[in-house]
Amino acid sequence: MKKAEAIQIARDNGIHLSSQNTTFASINLAKNVWWINIPKNRLHNERYILLDNKSELIVCYIPGGSLNEKDFRIKGGKQIDIELSSSKYSFLIDVKSGGSKINFSGFVVAKLAIK
């Protein structure tokens, strides 16, 4: 699935988002994670994260200012580097080395079936 298709599925289900405020990731089955990079300058604005796990699209809504860049590994000085676990024992927890193990499950606003 591509980002544009994921955005359309979310919109079709009443979630109002745009390409500019949305980050998309497909699951990496080799490591059971979703890799996400968010530009530091966008962390203070509202953000949607769309996670494709092949059977459903998990929609996370991050209110502006609710995350602190100090809690994450910074990639290249410009991007927040997040690695969300898809394992059932650490589901949606940032397991990236250097991160603070933030649990993103509280940001989930929808789980949408993928047809």
C-alpha atoms as a PDB file:
ATOM      1  CA  MET A   1       0.000   0.000   0.000  1.00  0.00           C
ATOM      2  CA  LYS A   2       1.150   3.534  -0.729  1.00  0.00           C
ATOM      3  CA  LYS A   3       0.647   6.648   1.411  1.00  0.00           C
ATOM      4  CA  ALA A   4      -1.992   8.126  -0.924  1.00  0.00           C
ATOM      5  CA  GLU A   5      -4.089   4.951  -0.714  1.00  0.00           C
ATOM      6  CA  ALA A   6      -3.837   4.879   3.093  1.00  0.00           C
ATOM      7  CA  ILE A   7      -4.909   8.538   3.286  1.00  0.00           C
ATOM      8  CA  GLN A   8      -7.902   7.791   1.056  1.00  0.00           C
ATOM      9  CA  ILE A   9      -8.973   4.852   3.257  1.00  0.00           C
ATOM     10  CA  ALA A  10      -8.790   7.124   6.326  1.00  0.00           C
ATOM     11  CA  ARG A  11     -10.759   9.883   4.572  1.00  0.00           C
ATOM     12  CA  ASP A  12     -13.389   7.376   3.417  1.00  0.00           C
ATOM     13  CA  ASN A  13     -13.855   6.540   7.099  1.00  0.00           C
ATOM     14  CA  GLY A  14     -14.358  10.157   8.185  1.00  0.00           C
ATOM     15  CA  ILE A  15     -10.834  10.991   9.291  1.00  0.00           C
ATOM     16  CA  HIS A  16      -9.808  14.438   8.078  1.00  0.00           C
ATOM     17  CA  LEU A  17      -6.116  14.497   7.277  1.00  0.00           C
ATOM     18  CA  SER A  18      -3.805  15.651   4.530  1.00  0.00           C
ATOM     19  CA  SER A  19      -0.564  14.506   2.983  1.00  0.00           C
ATOM     20  CA  GLN A  20       1.265  17.333   4.777  1.00  0.00           C
ATOM     21  CA  ASN A  21       0.234  16.284   8.304  1.00  0.00           C
ATOM     22  CA  THR A  22       0.467  12.532   7.779  1.00  0.00           C
ATOM     23  CA  THR A  23       3.257   9.991   8.058  1.00  0.00           C
ATOM     24  CA  PHE A  24       2.776   6.516   6.597  1.00  0.00           C
ATOM     25  CA  ALA A  25       4.630   3.279   7.322  1.00  0.00           C
ATOM     26  CA  SER A  26       4.249  -0.332   6.239  1.00  0.00           C
ATOM     27  CA  ILE A  27       5.249  -3.036   8.655  1.00  0.00           C
ATOM     28  CA  ASN A  28       8.766  -4.426   8.293  1.00  0.00           C
ATOM     29  CA  LEU A  29       8.135  -8.118   8.738  1.00  0.00           C
ATOM     30  CA  ALA A  30      11.826  -8.946   9.068  1.00  0.00           C
ATOM     31  CA  LYS A  31      11.998  -7.005  12.332  1.00  0.00           C
ATOM     32  CA  ASN A  32       8.296  -6.642  13.324  1.00  0.00           C
ATOM     33  CA  VAL A  33       8.385  -2.853  13.452  1.00  0.00           C
ATOM     34  CA  TRP A  34       7.175   0.214  11.622  1.00  0.00           C
ATOM     35  CA  TRP A  35       9.982   2.694  10.914  1.00  0.00           C
ATOM     36  CA  ILE A  36       8.862   6.309  11.070  1.00  0.00           C
ATOM     37  CA  ASN A  37      10.756   9.538  10.508  1.00  0.00           C
ATOM     38  CA  ILE A  38       9.130  12.864  11.355  1.00  0.00           C
ATOM     39  CA  PRO A  39      10.891  16.162  10.669  1.00  0.00           C
ATOM     40  CA  LYS A  40      11.699  17.867  13.983  1.00  0.00           C
ATOM     41  CA  ASN A  41      10.048  21.095  12.845  1.00  0.00           C
ATOM     42  CA  ARG A  42       6.719  19.260  12.411  1.00  0.00           C
ATOM     43  CA  LEU A  43       6.676  17.635  15.833  1.00  0.00           C
ATOM     44  CA  HIS A  44       4.931  20.643  17.370  1.00  0.00           C
ATOM     45  CA  ASN A  45       2.026  20.463  14.879  1.00  0.00           C
ATOM     46  CA  GLU A  46      -0.755  17.891  14.889  1.00  0.00           C
ATOM     47  CA  ARG A  47       0.263  14.719  13.089  1.00  0.00           C
ATOM     48  CA  TYR A  48      -1.387  11.546  11.881  1.00  0.00           C
ATOM     49  CA  ILE A  49       0.563   8.322  11.659  1.00  0.00           C
ATOM     50  CA  LEU A  50      -0.912   5.630   9.418  1.00  0.00           C
ATOM     51  CA  LEU A  51       0.417   2.131  10.059  1.00  0.00           C
ATOM     52  CA  ASP A  52      -0.234  -0.623   7.519  1.00  0.00           C
ATOM     53  CA  ASN A  53      -0.042  -4.144   8.927  1.00  0.00           C
ATOM     54  CA  LYS A  54      -1.478  -5.794   5.784  1.00  0.00           C
ATOM     55  CA  SER A  55      -4.894  -6.588   7.342  1.00  0.00           C
ATOM     56  CA  GLU A  56      -5.763  -3.221   8.845  1.00  0.00           C
ATOM     57  CA  LEU A  57      -4.729   0.407   8.821  1.00  0.00           C
ATOM     58  CA  ILE A  58      -3.972   1.730  12.306  1.00  0.00           C
ATOM     59  CA  VAL A  59      -4.585   5.469  12.574  1.00  0.00           C
ATOM     60  CA  CYS A  60      -2.769   7.388  15.299  1.00  0.00           C
ATOM     61  CA  TYR A  61      -3.493  11.042  16.001  1.00  0.00           C
ATOM     62  CA  ILE A  62      -0.714  12.990  17.737  1.00  0.00           C
ATOM     63  CA  PRO A  63      -1.898  16.395  19.021  1.00  0.00           C
ATOM     64  CA  GLY A  64       0.584  19.210  18.440  1.00  0.00           C
ATOM     65  CA  GLY A  65       3.074  19.593  21.276  1.00  0.00           C
ATOM     66  CA  SER A  66       2.230  16.245  22.890  1.00  0.00           C
ATOM     67  CA  LEU A  67       5.615  14.696  22.080  1.00  0.00           C
ATOM     68  CA  ASN A  68       9.023  16.000  23.096  1.00  0.00           C
ATOM     69  CA  GLU A  69      11.960  15.540  20.733  1.00  0.00           C
ATOM     70  CA  LYS A  70      14.201  14.794  23.736  1.00  0.00           C
ATOM     71  CA  ASP A  71      12.350  11.478  24.098  1.00  0.00           C
ATOM     72  CA  PHE A  72      13.465  10.217  20.692  1.00  0.00           C
ATOM     73  CA  ARG A  73      16.568   9.423  18.734  1.00  0.00           C
ATOM     74  CA  ILE A  74      17.359  12.220  16.290  1.00  0.00           C
ATOM     75  CA  LYS A  75      18.473  11.108  12.819  1.00  0.00           C
ATOM     76  CA  GLY A  76      20.825  13.414  10.959  1.00  0.00           C
ATOM     77  CA  GLY A  77      19.987  16.249  13.332  1.00  0.00           C
ATOM     78  CA  LYS A  78      16.729  16.881  11.490  1.00  0.00           C
ATOM     79  CA  GLN A  79      14.346  13.969  11.962  1.00  0.00           C
ATOM     80  CA  ILE A  80      12.735  12.154  14.854  1.00  0.00           C
ATOM     81  CA  ASP A  81      13.549   8.466  14.341  1.00  0.00           C
ATOM     82  CA  ILE A  82      10.813   6.172  15.659  1.00  0.00           C
ATOM     83  CA  GLU A  83      10.641   2.392  15.516  1.00  0.00           C
ATOM     84  CA  LEU A  84       7.196   1.182  16.643  1.00  0.00           C
ATOM     85  CA  SER A  85       6.981  -2.455  17.605  1.00  0.00           C
ATOM     86  CA  SER A  86       4.333  -4.664  16.010  1.00  0.00           C
ATOM     87  CA  SER A  87       5.016  -7.507  18.462  1.00  0.00           C
ATOM     88  CA  LYS A  88       2.032  -8.346  20.676  1.00  0.00           C
ATOM     89  CA  TYR A  89       4.156  -7.970  23.826  1.00  0.00           C
ATOM     90  CA  SER A  90       5.416  -4.458  23.021  1.00  0.00           C
ATOM     91  CA  PHE A  91       2.773  -3.324  20.516  1.00  0.00           C
ATOM     92  CA  LEU A  92       3.141   0.338  19.430  1.00  0.00           C
ATOM     93  CA  ILE A  93       6.049   1.017  21.789  1.00  0.00           C
ATOM     94  CA  ASP A  94       9.033   2.919  20.387  1.00  0.00           C
ATOM     95  CA  VAL A  95      11.777   0.317  20.613  1.00  0.00           C
ATOM     96  CA  LYS A  96      14.421   2.372  18.801  1.00  0.00           C
ATOM     97  CA  SER A  97      17.796   2.360  20.494  1.00  0.00           C
ATOM     98  CA  GLY A  98      18.209   5.723  22.194  1.00  0.00           C
ATOM     99  CA  GLY A  99      14.465   6.293  22.555  1.00  0.00           C
ATOM    100  CA  SER A 100      12.517   6.333  25.796  1.00  0.00           C
ATOM    101  CA  LYS A 101      10.094   3.477  24.999  1.00  0.00           C
ATOM    102  CA  ILE A 102       7.065   5.751  24.536  1.00  0.00           C
ATOM    103  CA  ASN A 103       3.837   3.794  24.061  1.00  0.00           C
ATOM    104  CA  PHE A 104       1.811   5.111  21.114  1.00  0.00           C
ATOM    105  CA  SER A 105      -1.288   2.967  21.824  1.00  0.00           C
ATOM    106  CA  GLY A 106      -2.980   5.933  23.519  1.00  0.00           C
ATOM    107  CA  PHE A 107      -2.822   7.839  20.230  1.00  0.00           C
ATOM    108  CA  VAL A 108      -4.780   5.214  18.252  1.00  0.00           C
ATOM    109  CA  VAL A 109      -8.065   6.705  17.014  1.00  0.00           C
ATOM    110  CA  ALA A 110      -9.079   4.006  14.526  1.00  0.00           C
ATOM    111  CA  LYS A 111      -8.305   0.559  13.171  1.00  0.00           C
ATOM    112  CA  LEU A 112      -9.628   0.265   9.644  1.00  0.00           C
ATOM    113  CA  ALA A 113      -9.964  -2.949   7.675  1.00  0.00           C
ATOM    114  CA  ILE A 114      -7.961  -3.109   4.467  1.00  0.00           C
ATOM    115  CA  LYS A 115      -9.913  -4.602   1.582  1.00  0.00           C
END
